[in-house]
Amino acid sequence: MWLSGQQRRPAESGEGQTGTVTISGGELAVELDSERRGLELYGPAGYRWTPKVGERVLVIQGRGEDPCVVGTKTGAYVPDRVTIEAGSIDLNGQVLIGGVPLESYIISHMSGLMGGEV
């Protein structure tokens, strides 16, 4: 019989491994050597994303700590949604929305709102 307490086995020493997400959202679960449920998701401060079911993720576990998901391979995955929260955001460089420069995007949408006159 599978016991829910098995998902939080502390490691004797730090370790990391990749696994496949089996449950996404609030009750994050990843298949490693066995399915681990209730994993916490770590990332940069102010940046939030949720891996999809089937996505390969990196899970680490420090000495005496619970395992946690820390990311996915760069370029291998596009999340459905990313949330960035901060007191201020400083963007340097060209900002694109769907491949369109921000300025052109704004002009296009304002033109549509104003009947073609901007």
C-alpha atoms as a PDB file:
ATOM      1  CA  MET A   1       0.000   0.000   0.000  1.00  0.00           C
ATOM      2  CA  TRP A   2       1.309   3.451  -0.922  1.00  0.00           C
ATOM      3  CA  LEU A   3       1.467   5.911   1.965  1.00  0.00           C
ATOM      4  CA  SER A   4       1.249   9.640   1.353  1.00  0.00           C
ATOM      5  CA  GLY A   5       4.115  10.277   3.776  1.00  0.00           C
ATOM      6  CA  GLN A   6       6.573   8.656   1.376  1.00  0.00           C
ATOM      7  CA  GLN A   7       6.794  11.749  -0.815  1.00  0.00           C
ATOM      8  CA  ARG A   8       8.839  13.649   1.766  1.00  0.00           C
ATOM      9  CA  ARG A   9      11.823  11.423   2.475  1.00  0.00           C
ATOM     10  CA  PRO A  10      14.804  13.497   3.606  1.00  0.00           C
ATOM     11  CA  ALA A  11      18.031  12.766   1.770  1.00  0.00           C
ATOM     12  CA  GLU A  12      21.161  11.720   3.605  1.00  0.00           C
ATOM     13  CA  SER A  13      23.183  13.989   1.315  1.00  0.00           C
ATOM     14  CA  GLY A  14      22.238  16.612  -1.257  1.00  0.00           C
ATOM     15  CA  GLU A  15      21.105  15.269  -4.606  1.00  0.00           C
ATOM     16  CA  GLY A  16      19.442  16.424  -7.813  1.00  0.00           C
ATOM     17  CA  GLN A  17      17.627  14.579 -10.544  1.00  0.00           C
ATOM     18  CA  THR A  18      15.214  15.172 -13.379  1.00  0.00           C
ATOM     19  CA  GLY A  19      11.689  13.845 -13.407  1.00  0.00           C
ATOM     20  CA  THR A  20       8.387  14.179 -15.222  1.00  0.00           C
ATOM     21  CA  VAL A  21       5.500  16.289 -13.875  1.00  0.00           C
ATOM     22  CA  THR A  22       2.471  14.070 -13.202  1.00  0.00           C
ATOM     23  CA  ILE A  23       0.219  16.637 -11.488  1.00  0.00           C
ATOM     24  CA  SER A  24       0.413  20.379 -12.198  1.00  0.00           C
ATOM     25  CA  GLY A  25      -0.939  23.303 -10.218  1.00  0.00           C
ATOM     26  CA  GLY A  26      -1.509  23.457  -6.470  1.00  0.00           C
ATOM     27  CA  GLU A  27      -0.572  19.828  -5.708  1.00  0.00           C
ATOM     28  CA  LEU A  28       2.613  19.570  -7.790  1.00  0.00           C
ATOM     29  CA  ALA A  29       3.774  15.973  -8.292  1.00  0.00           C
ATOM     30  CA  VAL A  30       6.820  14.615 -10.120  1.00  0.00           C
ATOM     31  CA  GLU A  31       7.750  11.049 -11.071  1.00  0.00           C
ATOM     32  CA  LEU A  32      11.339  10.421  -9.947  1.00  0.00           C
ATOM     33  CA  ASP A  33      12.281   7.027  -8.469  1.00  0.00           C
ATOM     34  CA  SER A  34       8.646   7.115  -7.313  1.00  0.00           C
ATOM     35  CA  GLU A  35       5.955   9.773  -7.559  1.00  0.00           C
ATOM     36  CA  ARG A  36       6.612  12.656  -5.163  1.00  0.00           C
ATOM     37  CA  ARG A  37       3.600  14.825  -4.339  1.00  0.00           C
ATOM     38  CA  GLY A  38       3.222  18.228  -2.748  1.00  0.00           C
ATOM     39  CA  LEU A  39       6.567  19.497  -4.025  1.00  0.00           C
ATOM     40  CA  GLU A  40       7.326  23.180  -3.636  1.00  0.00           C
ATOM     41  CA  LEU A  41       8.261  25.155  -6.744  1.00  0.00           C
ATOM     42  CA  TYR A  42      11.274  27.481  -6.466  1.00  0.00           C
ATOM     43  CA  GLY A  43      12.343  30.231  -8.865  1.00  0.00           C
ATOM     44  CA  PRO A  44      13.727  33.761  -8.977  1.00  0.00           C
ATOM     45  CA  ALA A  45      11.996  36.224  -6.640  1.00  0.00           C
ATOM     46  CA  GLY A  46       8.940  37.807  -8.244  1.00  0.00           C
ATOM     47  CA  TYR A  47       8.800  35.254 -11.089  1.00  0.00           C
ATOM     48  CA  ARG A  48       6.066  32.615 -11.063  1.00  0.00           C
ATOM     49  CA  TRP A  49       5.331  29.782 -13.496  1.00  0.00           C
ATOM     50  CA  THR A  50       3.757  26.350 -13.283  1.00  0.00           C
ATOM     51  CA  PRO A  51       5.191  23.381 -15.176  1.00  0.00           C
ATOM     52  CA  LYS A  52       2.774  21.355 -17.327  1.00  0.00           C
ATOM     53  CA  VAL A  53       1.989  17.662 -16.930  1.00  0.00           C
ATOM     54  CA  GLY A  54       4.578  15.719 -18.926  1.00  0.00           C
ATOM     55  CA  GLU A  55       7.264  18.406 -18.618  1.00  0.00           C
ATOM     56  CA  ARG A  56      10.755  17.339 -17.450  1.00  0.00           C
ATOM     57  CA  VAL A  57      11.892  19.326 -14.413  1.00  0.00           C
ATOM     58  CA  LEU A  58      14.928  19.489 -12.144  1.00  0.00           C
ATOM     59  CA  VAL A  59      14.265  18.404  -8.570  1.00  0.00           C
ATOM     60  CA  ILE A  60      16.834  18.973  -5.846  1.00  0.00           C
ATOM     61  CA  GLN A  61      16.926  17.884  -2.254  1.00  0.00           C
ATOM     62  CA  GLY A  62      19.320  19.283   0.293  1.00  0.00           C
ATOM     63  CA  ARG A  63      20.617  17.383   3.275  1.00  0.00           C
ATOM     64  CA  GLY A  64      17.643  16.790   5.577  1.00  0.00           C
ATOM     65  CA  GLU A  65      15.336  18.905   3.366  1.00  0.00           C
ATOM     66  CA  ASP A  66      12.206  18.088   1.372  1.00  0.00           C
ATOM     67  CA  PRO A  67      12.654  17.764  -2.404  1.00  0.00           C
ATOM     68  CA  CYS A  68      11.658  20.810  -4.473  1.00  0.00           C
ATOM     69  CA  VAL A  69      11.302  21.692  -8.168  1.00  0.00           C
ATOM     70  CA  VAL A  70      13.792  24.375  -9.220  1.00  0.00           C
ATOM     71  CA  GLY A  71      13.317  24.646 -12.971  1.00  0.00           C
ATOM     72  CA  THR A  72      13.221  23.120 -16.418  1.00  0.00           C
ATOM     73  CA  LYS A  73      15.720  22.946 -19.260  1.00  0.00           C
ATOM     74  CA  THR A  74      16.053  26.332 -20.979  1.00  0.00           C
ATOM     75  CA  GLY A  75      14.406  26.433 -24.400  1.00  0.00           C
ATOM     76  CA  ALA A  76      12.669  23.085 -23.951  1.00  0.00           C
ATOM     77  CA  TYR A  77       9.431  24.473 -22.558  1.00  0.00           C
ATOM     78  CA  VAL A  78       7.133  27.462 -22.955  1.00  0.00           C
ATOM     79  CA  PRO A  79       4.854  27.930 -19.935  1.00  0.00           C
ATOM     80  CA  ASP A  80       1.185  28.791 -20.411  1.00  0.00           C
ATOM     81  CA  ARG A  81       1.602  31.793 -18.144  1.00  0.00           C
ATOM     82  CA  VAL A  82       4.405  33.678 -16.408  1.00  0.00           C
ATOM     83  CA  THR A  83       3.769  36.261 -13.707  1.00  0.00           C
ATOM     84  CA  ILE A  84       6.391  38.865 -12.807  1.00  0.00           C
ATOM     85  CA  GLU A  85       5.789  41.004  -9.728  1.00  0.00           C
ATOM     86  CA  ALA A  86       8.096  43.752  -8.531  1.00  0.00           C
ATOM     87  CA  GLY A  87       8.084  47.264  -7.167  1.00  0.00           C
ATOM     88  CA  SER A  88       9.484  48.329 -10.544  1.00  0.00           C
ATOM     89  CA  ILE A  89      10.740  46.565 -13.657  1.00  0.00           C
ATOM     90  CA  ASP A  90      13.652  48.026 -15.615  1.00  0.00           C
ATOM     91  CA  LEU A  91      13.685  46.748 -19.200  1.00  0.00           C
ATOM     92  CA  ASN A  92      16.771  47.415 -21.298  1.00  0.00           C
ATOM     93  CA  GLY A  93      16.777  46.610 -25.005  1.00  0.00           C
ATOM     94  CA  GLN A  94      13.990  46.062 -27.471  1.00  0.00           C
ATOM     95  CA  VAL A  95      10.668  44.862 -26.029  1.00  0.00           C
ATOM     96  CA  LEU A  96       8.663  42.628 -28.367  1.00  0.00           C
ATOM     97  CA  ILE A  97       5.044  41.497 -28.096  1.00  0.00           C
ATOM     98  CA  GLY A  98       4.432  38.523 -30.342  1.00  0.00           C
ATOM     99  CA  GLY A  99       7.538  39.490 -32.324  1.00  0.00           C
ATOM    100  CA  VAL A 100       6.325  43.088 -32.844  1.00  0.00           C
ATOM    101  CA  PRO A 101       8.263  45.988 -31.272  1.00  0.00           C
ATOM    102  CA  LEU A 102       6.320  47.486 -28.345  1.00  0.00           C
ATOM    103  CA  GLU A 103       6.049  50.922 -29.998  1.00  0.00           C
ATOM    104  CA  SER A 104       4.558  49.449 -33.203  1.00  0.00           C
ATOM    105  CA  TYR A 105       2.208  47.273 -31.154  1.00  0.00           C
ATOM    106  CA  ILE A 106       0.880  50.308 -29.243  1.00  0.00           C
ATOM    107  CA  ILE A 107       0.485  52.395 -32.429  1.00  0.00           C
ATOM    108  CA  SER A 108      -1.372  49.574 -34.157  1.00  0.00           C
ATOM    109  CA  HIS A 109      -3.790  49.119 -31.285  1.00  0.00           C
ATOM    110  CA  MET A 110      -4.335  52.853 -30.770  1.00  0.00           C
ATOM    111  CA  SER A 111      -5.031  53.210 -34.493  1.00  0.00           C
ATOM    112  CA  GLY A 112      -7.697  50.544 -34.249  1.00  0.00           C
ATOM    113  CA  LEU A 113      -9.289  52.256 -31.248  1.00  0.00           C
ATOM    114  CA  MET A 114      -9.264  55.698 -32.906  1.00  0.00           C
ATOM    115  CA  GLY A 115     -10.617  54.554 -36.271  1.00  0.00           C
ATOM    116  CA  GLY A 116      -7.280  54.570 -38.088  1.00  0.00           C
ATOM    117  CA  GLU A 117      -6.060  57.995 -36.912  1.00  0.00           C
ATOM    118  CA  VAL A 118      -3.017  58.137 -34.635  1.00  0.00           C
END
